[in-house]
Amino acid sequence: MKVAAILGERQAGLVDAPDPTPKEDWVVVKIHASPMCTEYHAFEHGSKTDGMGHEAAGEVVDVAQPGKVEIGDRVVVMPQYPCGKCVLCTDGDYIHCENNYNFEEFAG
């Protein structure tokens, strides 16, 4: 797949990255739109990264197991990694989750 990346000072482009695969209760989302927040500062100053966009809107394209969303659903991607199962998460206070996933460890 292609991902947006900051390549240098005020330079951006697309780079190749491995296709993601769904795992456990996570899904793969094809991103349709993602704003640049703090990433804009990296763009201005040339800090190279392909980790752009921590907020996004897109479409579910793959699921590991049946769940709350299905392929084709349009979704908003959260910038946190809450467990989704604790009382805080199920009450809608996922930003206060105390059982966050370690995304790097989870995704490998």
Protein backbone atom coordinates (compact mmCIF):
# COMPACT_ATOMS: atom_id res chain seq x y z
CA MET A 1 0.00 0.00 0.00
CA LYS A 2 1.02 3.64 -0.23
CA VAL A 3 1.20 5.98 2.76
CA ALA A 4 1.76 9.71 2.96
CA ALA A 5 5.17 10.64 4.34
CA ILE A 6 7.19 13.73 5.14
CA LEU A 7 10.35 13.40 3.07
CA GLY A 8 12.10 16.63 4.00
CA GLU A 9 11.54 20.30 4.72
CA ARG A 10 8.17 21.16 3.15
CA GLN A 11 8.35 17.99 1.06
CA ALA A 12 5.82 15.20 1.20
CA GLY A 13 5.08 12.19 -0.94
CA LEU A 14 3.85 8.62 -1.03
CA VAL A 15 5.99 5.70 0.12
CA ASP A 16 5.42 1.96 0.05
CA ALA A 17 4.43 0.20 3.26
CA PRO A 18 3.33 -3.36 4.04
CA ASP A 19 -0.41 -4.01 3.76
CA PRO A 20 -1.93 -4.18 7.25
CA THR A 21 -3.90 -7.22 8.36
CA PRO A 22 -6.71 -7.23 10.91
CA LYS A 23 -6.03 -8.84 14.28
CA GLU A 24 -8.35 -9.89 17.12
CA ASP A 25 -11.12 -7.27 17.33
CA TRP A 26 -9.31 -4.65 15.23
CA VAL A 27 -10.14 -3.90 11.59
CA VAL A 28 -8.31 -2.41 8.60
CA VAL A 29 -9.58 0.99 7.49
CA LYS A 30 -8.90 2.57 4.10
CA ILE A 31 -8.32 6.20 5.01
CA HIS A 32 -10.26 8.72 2.94
CA ALA A 33 -9.29 11.87 4.89
CA SER A 34 -6.85 12.71 7.66
CA PRO A 35 -5.97 16.22 8.84
CA MET A 36 -2.43 17.29 9.68
CA CYS A 37 -2.32 18.53 13.27
CA THR A 38 1.07 18.46 14.98
CA GLU A 39 2.37 16.71 11.87
CA TYR A 40 2.29 20.07 10.11
CA HIS A 41 5.18 21.29 12.28
CA ALA A 42 7.20 18.25 11.19
CA PHE A 43 6.33 19.07 7.56
CA GLU A 44 7.54 22.66 7.98
CA HIS A 45 10.80 21.64 9.66
CA GLY A 46 11.62 18.54 7.65
CA SER A 47 11.38 15.89 10.35
CA LYS A 48 11.07 12.75 8.21
CA THR A 49 8.18 10.47 9.12
CA ASP A 50 5.53 8.25 7.62
CA GLY A 51 3.46 8.35 10.82
CA MET A 52 1.15 11.10 9.69
CA GLY A 53 -2.45 11.52 10.71
CA HIS A 54 -3.62 10.34 14.10
CA GLU A 55 -7.23 11.23 13.31
CA ALA A 56 -8.99 9.95 10.23
CA ALA A 57 -12.19 9.03 8.45
CA GLY A 58 -12.46 6.08 6.13
CA GLU A 59 -14.03 2.76 5.21
CA VAL A 60 -13.61 -0.67 6.78
CA VAL A 61 -11.95 -2.96 4.20
CA ASP A 62 -11.04 -6.03 6.28
CA VAL A 63 -12.05 -7.60 9.60
CA ALA A 64 -10.47 -10.41 11.61
CA GLN A 65 -13.72 -11.59 13.19
CA PRO A 66 -17.36 -10.49 13.25
CA GLY A 67 -17.90 -7.49 15.49
CA LYS A 68 -19.53 -4.09 15.72
CA VAL A 69 -18.44 -2.99 12.24
CA GLU A 70 -18.52 -4.72 8.88
CA ILE A 71 -16.65 -4.34 5.60
CA GLY A 72 -17.98 -1.24 3.85
CA ASP A 73 -18.90 0.66 7.03
CA ARG A 74 -17.68 4.25 7.12
CA VAL A 75 -15.88 4.99 10.38
CA VAL A 76 -13.91 7.59 12.29
CA VAL A 77 -10.54 6.46 13.64
CA MET A 78 -9.68 7.35 17.24
CA PRO A 79 -6.22 8.66 18.08
CA GLN A 80 -6.02 6.50 21.22
CA TYR A 81 -5.78 2.73 21.70
CA PRO A 82 -8.36 1.97 24.42
CA CYS A 83 -9.32 -1.57 25.34
CA GLY A 84 -12.97 -1.02 24.44
CA LYS A 85 -14.09 -3.39 27.20
CA CYS A 86 -13.63 -1.64 30.55
CA VAL A 87 -16.36 0.43 32.25
CA LEU A 88 -14.79 3.70 31.11
CA CYS A 89 -14.75 2.54 27.48
CA THR A 90 -18.27 1.13 27.48
CA ASP A 91 -19.55 4.35 29.09
CA GLY A 92 -18.00 6.34 26.22
CA ASP A 93 -15.05 7.70 28.23
CA TYR A 94 -12.45 5.78 26.21
CA ILE A 95 -9.97 8.69 26.43
CA HIS A 96 -9.63 7.82 30.13
CA CYS A 97 -9.11 4.07 29.58
CA GLU A 98 -6.53 2.62 31.95
CA ASN A 99 -6.02 -0.51 29.85
CA ASN A 100 -4.74 1.00 26.60
CA TYR A 101 -3.15 -1.24 24.02
CA ASN A 102 0.56 -0.84 23.42
CA PHE A 103 0.09 -0.41 19.68
CA GLU A 104 3.69 -1.16 18.69
CA GLU A 105 3.64 -4.38 20.69
CA PHE A 106 0.14 -5.30 19.47
CA ALA A 107 0.81 -4.62 15.77
CA GLY A 108 4.40 -5.82 15.76
